[in-house]
PDB file of all heavy atoms in Angstrom:
ATOM      1  N   GLU A   1      83.418  79.287  78.723  1.00  0.00           N
ATOM      2  CA  GLU A   1      82.758  80.107  77.714  1.00  0.00           C
ATOM      3  C   GLU A   1      82.212  81.394  78.330  1.00  0.00           C
ATOM      4  O   GLU A   1      82.037  81.498  79.544  1.00  0.00           O
ATOM      5  CB  GLU A   1      81.611  79.314  77.079  1.00  0.00           C
ATOM      6  CG  GLU A   1      82.044  78.059  76.357  1.00  0.00           C
ATOM      7  CD  GLU A   1      80.859  77.252  75.839  1.00  0.00           C
ATOM      8  OE1 GLU A   1      79.720  77.774  75.879  1.00  0.00           O
ATOM      9  OE2 GLU A   1      81.059  76.111  75.411  1.00  0.00           O
ATOM     10  N   SER A   2      81.919  82.353  77.469  1.00  0.00           N
ATOM     11  CA  SER A   2      81.297  83.597  77.924  1.00  0.00           C
ATOM     12  C   SER A   2      79.944  83.293  78.561  1.00  0.00           C
ATOM     13  O   SER A   2      79.183  82.464  78.053  1.00  0.00           O
ATOM     14  CB  SER A   2      81.107  84.562  76.754  1.00  0.00           C
ATOM     15  OG  SER A   2      82.349  84.986  76.257  1.00  0.00           O
ATOM     16  N   GLY A   3      79.673  83.965  79.668  1.00  0.00           N
ATOM     17  CA  GLY A   3      78.373  83.810  80.313  1.00  0.00           C
ATOM     18  C   GLY A   3      78.278  82.666  81.294  1.00  0.00           C
ATOM     19  O   GLY A   3      77.191  82.398  81.819  1.00  0.00           O
ATOM     20  N   THR A   4      79.385  81.977  81.592  1.00  0.00           N
ATOM     21  CA  THR A   4      79.324  80.836  82.511  1.00  0.00           C
ATOM     22  C   THR A   4      79.472  81.237  83.977  1.00  0.00           C
ATOM     23  O   THR A   4      79.354  80.382  84.857  1.00  0.00           O
ATOM     24  CB  THR A   4      80.399  79.785  82.163  1.00  0.00           C
ATOM     25  OG1 THR A   4      81.670  80.429  82.045  1.00  0.00           O
ATOM     26  CG2 THR A   4      80.066  79.080  80.865  1.00  0.00           C
ATOM     27  N   GLY A   5      79.752  82.500  84.241  1.00  0.00           N
ATOM     28  CA  GLY A   5      79.827  82.956  85.634  1.00  0.00           C
ATOM     29  C   GLY A   5      81.229  83.035  86.192  1.00  0.00           C
ATOM     30  O   GLY A   5      81.424  82.934  87.409  1.00  0.00           O
ATOM     31  N   LYS A   6      82.211  83.272  85.341  1.00  0.00           N
ATOM     32  CA  LYS A   6      83.593  83.373  85.833  1.00  0.00           C
ATOM     33  C   LYS A   6      83.752  84.560  86.771  1.00  0.00           C
ATOM     34  O   LYS A   6      84.494  84.490  87.756  1.00  0.00           O
ATOM     35  CB  LYS A   6      84.562  83.483  84.649  1.00  0.00           C
ATOM     36  CG  LYS A   6      84.552  82.254  83.737  1.00  0.00           C
ATOM     37  CD  LYS A   6      85.598  82.342  82.638  1.00  0.00           C
ATOM     38  CE  LYS A   6      85.315  83.421  81.619  1.00  0.00           C
ATOM     39  NZ  LYS A   6      84.100  83.144  80.801  1.00  0.00           N
ATOM     40  N   ASP A   7      83.057  85.669  86.469  1.00  0.00           N
ATOM     41  CA  ASP A   7      83.145  86.842  87.340  1.00  0.00           C
ATOM     42  C   ASP A   7      82.539  86.556  88.713  1.00  0.00           C
ATOM     43  O   ASP A   7      83.068  86.999  89.746  1.00  0.00           O
ATOM     44  CB  ASP A   7      82.464  88.045  86.690  1.00  0.00           C
ATOM     45  CG  ASP A   7      81.030  87.765  86.274  1.00  0.00           C
ATOM     46  OD1 ASP A   7      80.660  86.576  86.122  1.00  0.00           O
ATOM     47  OD2 ASP A   7      80.253  88.735  86.104  1.00  0.00           O
ATOM     48  N   VAL A   8      81.435  85.795  88.738  1.00  0.00           N
ATOM     49  CA  VAL A   8      80.813  85.446  90.022  1.00  0.00           C
ATOM     50  C   VAL A   8      81.714  84.492  90.804  1.00  0.00           C
ATOM     51  O   VAL A   8      81.817  84.574  92.032  1.00  0.00           O
ATOM     52  CB  VAL A   8      79.424  84.817  89.804  1.00  0.00           C
ATOM     53  CG1 VAL A   8      78.729  84.586  91.142  1.00  0.00           C
ATOM     54  CG2 VAL A   8      78.563  85.717  88.924  1.00  0.00           C
ATOM     55  N   ALA A   9      82.393  83.601  90.095  1.00  0.00           N
ATOM     56  CA  ALA A   9      83.331  82.693  90.756  1.00  0.00           C
ATOM     57  C   ALA A   9      84.479  83.471  91.389  1.00  0.00           C
ATOM     58  O   ALA A   9      84.944  83.136  92.488  1.00  0.00           O
ATOM     59  CB  ALA A   9      83.859  81.662  89.763  1.00  0.00           C
ATOM     60  N   ALA A  10      84.967  84.500  90.700  1.00  0.00           N
ATOM     61  CA  ALA A  10      86.036  85.341  91.266  1.00  0.00           C
ATOM     62  C   ALA A  10      85.553  86.051  92.523  1.00  0.00           C
ATOM     63  O   ALA A  10      86.281  86.136  93.530  1.00  0.00           O
ATOM     64  CB  ALA A  10      86.500  86.349  90.221  1.00  0.00           C
ATOM     65  N   GLN A  11      84.316  86.554  92.483  1.00  0.00           N
ATOM     66  CA  GLN A  11      83.759  87.208  93.673  1.00  0.00           C
ATOM     67  C   GLN A  11      83.612  86.212  94.822  1.00  0.00           C
ATOM     68  O   GLN A  11      83.845  86.553  95.987  1.00  0.00           O
ATOM     69  CB  GLN A  11      82.414  87.831  93.323  1.00  0.00           C
ATOM     70  CG  GLN A  11      82.507  88.989  92.343  1.00  0.00           C
ATOM     71  CD  GLN A  11      81.148  89.414  91.799  1.00  0.00           C
ATOM     72  OE1 GLN A  11      80.136  89.237  92.457  1.00  0.00           O
ATOM     73  NE2 GLN A  11      81.138  89.952  90.592  1.00  0.00           N
ATOM     74  N   ALA A  12      83.246  84.968  94.481  1.00  0.00           N
ATOM     75  CA  ALA A  12      83.115  83.933  95.509  1.00  0.00           C
ATOM     76  C   ALA A  12      84.460  83.624  96.145  1.00  0.00           C
ATOM     77  O   ALA A  12      84.564  83.475  97.376  1.00  0.00           O
ATOM     78  CB  ALA A  12      82.508  82.669  94.898  1.00  0.00           C
ATOM     79  N   LEU A  13      85.512  83.520  95.338  1.00  0.00           N
ATOM     80  CA  LEU A  13      86.848  83.262  95.870  1.00  0.00           C
ATOM     81  C   LEU A  13      87.262  84.370  96.839  1.00  0.00           C
ATOM     82  O   LEU A  13      87.835  84.096  97.900  1.00  0.00           O
ATOM     83  CB  LEU A  13      87.863  83.164  94.731  1.00  0.00           C
ATOM     84  CG  LEU A  13      87.956  81.823  94.002  1.00  0.00           C
ATOM     85  CD1 LEU A  13      88.802  81.952  92.745  1.00  0.00           C
ATOM     86  CD2 LEU A  13      88.529  80.749  94.923  1.00  0.00           C
ATOM     87  N   HIS A  14      86.964  85.598  96.473  1.00  0.00           N
ATOM     88  CA  HIS A  14      87.301  86.723  97.356  1.00  0.00           C
ATOM     89  C   HIS A  14      86.477  86.673  98.642  1.00  0.00           C
ATOM     90  O   HIS A  14      87.017  86.829  99.747  1.00  0.00           O
ATOM     91  CB  HIS A  14      87.058  88.041  96.628  1.00  0.00           C
ATOM     92  CG  HIS A  14      87.301  89.251  97.463  1.00  0.00           C
ATOM     93  ND1 HIS A  14      88.562  89.671  97.831  1.00  0.00           N
ATOM     94  CD2 HIS A  14      86.427  90.144  98.035  1.00  0.00           C
ATOM     95  CE1 HIS A  14      88.468  90.761  98.582  1.00  0.00           C
ATOM     96  NE2 HIS A  14      87.185  91.069  98.711  1.00  0.00           N
ATOM     97  N   ALA A  15      85.184  86.421  98.504  1.00  0.00           N
ATOM     98  CA  ALA A  15      84.293  86.424  99.676  1.00  0.00           C
ATOM     99  C   ALA A  15      84.627  85.303 100.655  1.00  0.00           C
ATOM    100  O   ALA A  15      84.437  85.461 101.871  1.00  0.00           O
ATOM    101  CB  ALA A  15      82.844  86.304  99.211  1.00  0.00           C
ATOM    102  N   LEU A  16      85.124  84.177 100.157  1.00  0.00           N
ATOM    103  CA  LEU A  16      85.439  83.037 101.022  1.00  0.00           C
ATOM    104  C   LEU A  16      86.842  83.116 101.615  1.00  0.00           C
ATOM    105  O   LEU A  16      87.200  82.291 102.462  1.00  0.00           O
ATOM    106  CB  LEU A  16      85.309  81.729 100.227  1.00  0.00           C
ATOM    107  CG  LEU A  16      83.914  81.341  99.722  1.00  0.00           C
ATOM    108  CD1 LEU A  16      83.996  80.141  98.794  1.00  0.00           C
ATOM    109  CD2 LEU A  16      82.985  81.046 100.892  1.00  0.00           C
ATOM    110  N   SER A  17      87.617  84.082 101.178  1.00  0.00           N
ATOM    111  CA  SER A  17      89.018  84.151 101.590  1.00  0.00           C
ATOM    112  C   SER A  17      89.199  85.034 102.821  1.00  0.00           C
ATOM    113  O   SER A  17      88.279  85.741 103.252  1.00  0.00           O
ATOM    114  CB  SER A  17      89.868  84.711 100.444  1.00  0.00           C
ATOM    115  OG  SER A  17      89.659  86.107 100.296  1.00  0.00           O
ATOM    116  N   GLY A  18      90.411  85.011 103.360  1.00  0.00           N
ATOM    117  CA  GLY A  18      90.744  85.902 104.465  1.00  0.00           C
ATOM    118  C   GLY A  18      90.902  87.336 104.036  1.00  0.00           C
ATOM    119  O   GLY A  18      91.122  88.221 104.871  1.00  0.00           O
ATOM    120  N   ARG A  19      90.784  87.592 102.749  1.00  0.00           N
ATOM    121  CA  ARG A  19      90.894  88.950 102.210  1.00  0.00           C
ATOM    122  C   ARG A  19      89.537  89.610 102.019  1.00  0.00           C
ATOM    123  O   ARG A  19      89.448  90.694 101.441  1.00  0.00           O
ATOM    124  CB  ARG A  19      91.627  88.917 100.861  1.00  0.00           C
ATOM    125  CG  ARG A  19      93.032  88.359 100.937  1.00  0.00           C
ATOM    126  CD  ARG A  19      93.625  88.159  99.547  1.00  0.00           C
ATOM    127  NE  ARG A  19      94.996  87.679  99.627  1.00  0.00           N
ATOM    128  CZ  ARG A  19      96.069  88.469  99.648  1.00  0.00           C
ATOM    129  NH1 ARG A  19      95.912  89.775  99.575  1.00  0.00           N
ATOM    130  NH2 ARG A  19      97.275  87.970  99.736  1.00  0.00           N
ATOM    131  N   ALA A  20      88.473  88.952 102.464  1.00  0.00           N
ATOM    132  CA  ALA A  20      87.119  89.433 102.188  1.00  0.00           C
ATOM    133  C   ALA A  20      86.887  90.853 102.700  1.00  0.00           C
ATOM    134  O   ALA A  20      86.087  91.600 102.122  1.00  0.00           O
ATOM    135  CB  ALA A  20      86.100  88.481 102.795  1.00  0.00           C
ATOM    136  N   ALA A  21      87.594  91.224 103.781  1.00  0.00           N
ATOM    137  CA  ALA A  21      87.432  92.577 104.315  1.00  0.00           C
ATOM    138  C   ALA A  21      88.180  93.610 103.483  1.00  0.00           C
ATOM    139  O   ALA A  21      87.955  94.814 103.620  1.00  0.00           O
ATOM    140  CB  ALA A  21      87.921  92.632 105.764  1.00  0.00           C
ATOM    141  N   GLY A  22      89.083  93.148 102.626  1.00  0.00           N
ATOM    142  CA  GLY A  22      89.837  94.048 101.767  1.00  0.00           C
ATOM    143  C   GLY A  22      89.117  94.287 100.456  1.00  0.00           C
ATOM    144  O   GLY A  22      88.038  93.745 100.200  1.00  0.00           O
ATOM    145  N   PRO A  23      89.702  95.104  99.581  1.00  0.00           N
ATOM    146  CA  PRO A  23      89.034  95.452  98.320  1.00  0.00           C
ATOM    147  C   PRO A  23      89.075  94.321  97.292  1.00  0.00           C
ATOM    148  O   PRO A  23      90.012  93.512  97.260  1.00  0.00           O
ATOM    149  CB  PRO A  23      89.829  96.658  97.818  1.00  0.00           C
ATOM    150  CG  PRO A  23      91.195  96.472  98.419  1.00  0.00           C
ATOM    151  CD  PRO A  23      90.982  95.813  99.754  1.00  0.00           C
ATOM    152  N   LEU A  24      88.038  94.252  96.472  1.00  0.00           N
ATOM    153  CA  LEU A  24      88.028  93.431  95.267  1.00  0.00           C
ATOM    154  C   LEU A  24      88.011  94.404  94.100  1.00  0.00           C
ATOM    155  O   LEU A  24      87.023  95.105  93.873  1.00  0.00           O
ATOM    156  CB  LEU A  24      86.799  92.518  95.216  1.00  0.00           C
ATOM    157  CG  LEU A  24      86.574  91.786  93.882  1.00  0.00           C
ATOM    158  CD1 LEU A  24      87.724  90.827  93.576  1.00  0.00           C
ATOM    159  CD2 LEU A  24      85.242  91.032  93.889  1.00  0.00           C
ATOM    160  N   VAL A  25      89.112  94.460  93.366  1.00  0.00           N
ATOM    161  CA  VAL A  25      89.255  95.392  92.246  1.00  0.00           C
ATOM    162  C   VAL A  25      89.182  94.587  90.943  1.00  0.00           C
ATOM    163  O   VAL A  25      89.808  93.535  90.825  1.00  0.00           O
ATOM    164  CB  VAL A  25      90.586  96.167  92.329  1.00  0.00           C
ATOM    165  CG1 VAL A  25      90.735  97.109  91.140  1.00  0.00           C
ATOM    166  CG2 VAL A  25      90.657  96.936  93.639  1.00  0.00           C
ATOM    167  N   ILE A  26      88.405  95.093  89.991  1.00  0.00           N
ATOM    168  CA  ILE A  26      88.183  94.380  88.733  1.00  0.00           C
ATOM    169  C   ILE A  26      88.745  95.183  87.572  1.00  0.00           C
ATOM    170  O   ILE A  26      88.488  96.383  87.438  1.00  0.00           O
ATOM    171  CB  ILE A  26      86.675  94.132  88.512  1.00  0.00           C
ATOM    172  CG1 ILE A  26      86.107  93.289  89.660  1.00  0.00           C
ATOM    173  CG2 ILE A  26      86.437  93.428  87.172  1.00  0.00           C
ATOM    174  CD1 ILE A  26      84.600  93.143  89.633  1.00  0.00           C
ATOM    175  N   VAL A  27      89.538  94.505  86.740  1.00  0.00           N
ATOM    176  CA  VAL A  27      90.043  95.086  85.493  1.00  0.00           C
ATOM    177  C   VAL A  27      89.602  94.179  84.357  1.00  0.00           C
ATOM    178  O   VAL A  27      89.934  92.993  84.339  1.00  0.00           O
ATOM    179  CB  VAL A  27      91.582  95.206  85.501  1.00  0.00           C
ATOM    180  CG1 VAL A  27      92.083  95.636  84.127  1.00  0.00           C
ATOM    181  CG2 VAL A  27      92.047  96.183  86.565  1.00  0.00           C
ATOM    182  N   ASP A  28      88.855  94.723  83.405  1.00  0.00           N
ATOM    183  CA  ASP A  28      88.388  93.964  82.250  1.00  0.00           C
ATOM    184  C   ASP A  28      89.230  94.357  81.052  1.00  0.00           C
ATOM    185  O   ASP A  28      89.024  95.407  80.447  1.00  0.00           O
ATOM    186  CB  ASP A  28      86.902  94.247  81.992  1.00  0.00           C
ATOM    187  CG  ASP A  28      86.331  93.392  80.862  1.00  0.00           C
ATOM    188  OD1 ASP A  28      87.105  92.708  80.175  1.00  0.00           O
ATOM    189  OD2 ASP A  28      85.099  93.402  80.681  1.00  0.00           O
ATOM    190  N   CYS A  29      90.188  93.499  80.685  1.00  0.00           N
ATOM    191  CA  CYS A  29      91.100  93.825  79.580  1.00  0.00           C
ATOM    192  C   CYS A  29      90.371  93.931  78.254  1.00  0.00           C
ATOM    193  O   CYS A  29      90.864  94.573  77.321  1.00  0.00           O
ATOM    194  CB  CYS A  29      92.200  92.764  79.482  1.00  0.00           C
ATOM    195  SG  CYS A  29      93.324  92.743  80.895  1.00  0.00           S
ATOM    196  N   GLY A  30      89.202  93.304  78.151  1.00  0.00           N
ATOM    197  CA  GLY A  30      88.457  93.362  76.911  1.00  0.00           C
ATOM    198  C   GLY A  30      87.688  94.654  76.729  1.00  0.00           C
ATOM    199  O   GLY A  30      87.206  94.944  75.629  1.00  0.00           O
ATOM    200  N   ALA A  31      87.539  95.434  77.803  1.00  0.00           N
ATOM    201  CA  ALA A  31      86.742  96.657  77.738  1.00  0.00           C
ATOM    202  C   ALA A  31      87.590  97.920  77.811  1.00  0.00           C
ATOM    203  O   ALA A  31      87.055  99.028  77.780  1.00  0.00           O
ATOM    204  CB  ALA A  31      85.723  96.668  78.878  1.00  0.00           C
ATOM    205  N   ILE A  32      88.920  97.765  77.909  1.00  0.00           N
ATOM    206  CA  ILE A  32      89.820  98.912  78.035  1.00  0.00           C
ATOM    207  C   ILE A  32      90.693  98.996  76.789  1.00  0.00           C
ATOM    208  O   ILE A  32      91.254  97.982  76.358  1.00  0.00           O
ATOM    209  CB  ILE A  32      90.726  98.767  79.284  1.00  0.00           C
ATOM    210  CG1 ILE A  32      89.876  98.590  80.535  1.00  0.00           C
ATOM    211  CG2 ILE A  32      91.647  99.971  79.431  1.00  0.00           C
ATOM    212  CD1 ILE A  32      90.700  98.224  81.764  1.00  0.00           C
ATOM    213  N   PRO A  33      90.826 100.172  76.183  1.00  0.00           N
ATOM    214  CA  PRO A  33      91.737 100.302  75.032  1.00  0.00           C
ATOM    215  C   PRO A  33      93.134  99.826  75.399  1.00  0.00           C
ATOM    216  O   PRO A  33      93.616 100.075  76.512  1.00  0.00           O
ATOM    217  CB  PRO A  33      91.708 101.807  74.731  1.00  0.00           C
ATOM    218  CG  PRO A  33      90.405 102.290  75.293  1.00  0.00           C
ATOM    219  CD  PRO A  33      90.143 101.446  76.500  1.00  0.00           C
ATOM    220  N   ALA A  34      93.786  99.157  74.470  1.00  0.00           N
ATOM    221  CA  ALA A  34      95.106  98.574  74.735  1.00  0.00           C
ATOM    222  C   ALA A  34      96.100  99.610  75.235  1.00  0.00           C
ATOM    223  O   ALA A  34      96.965  99.307  76.068  1.00  0.00           O
ATOM    224  CB  ALA A  34      95.636  97.901  73.467  1.00  0.00           C
ATOM    225  N   THR A  35      95.973 100.839  74.762  1.00  0.00           N
ATOM    226  CA  THR A  35      96.922 101.886  75.160  1.00  0.00           C
ATOM    227  C   THR A  35      96.736 102.328  76.604  1.00  0.00           C
ATOM    228  O   THR A  35      97.616 102.974  77.172  1.00  0.00           O
ATOM    229  CB  THR A  35      96.772 103.108  74.241  1.00  0.00           C
ATOM    230  OG1 THR A  35      95.394 103.530  74.241  1.00  0.00           O
ATOM    231  CG2 THR A  35      97.188 102.769  72.822  1.00  0.00           C
TER     232      THR A  35
END
């Protein structure tokens, strides 16, 4: 559900991975016009 912390979980996956030194880029499809 909304507000359960999915974005924080994604950040945790990145921080715990071997990619932590690389970029974490976020795209929110719900906040960008479809076009």
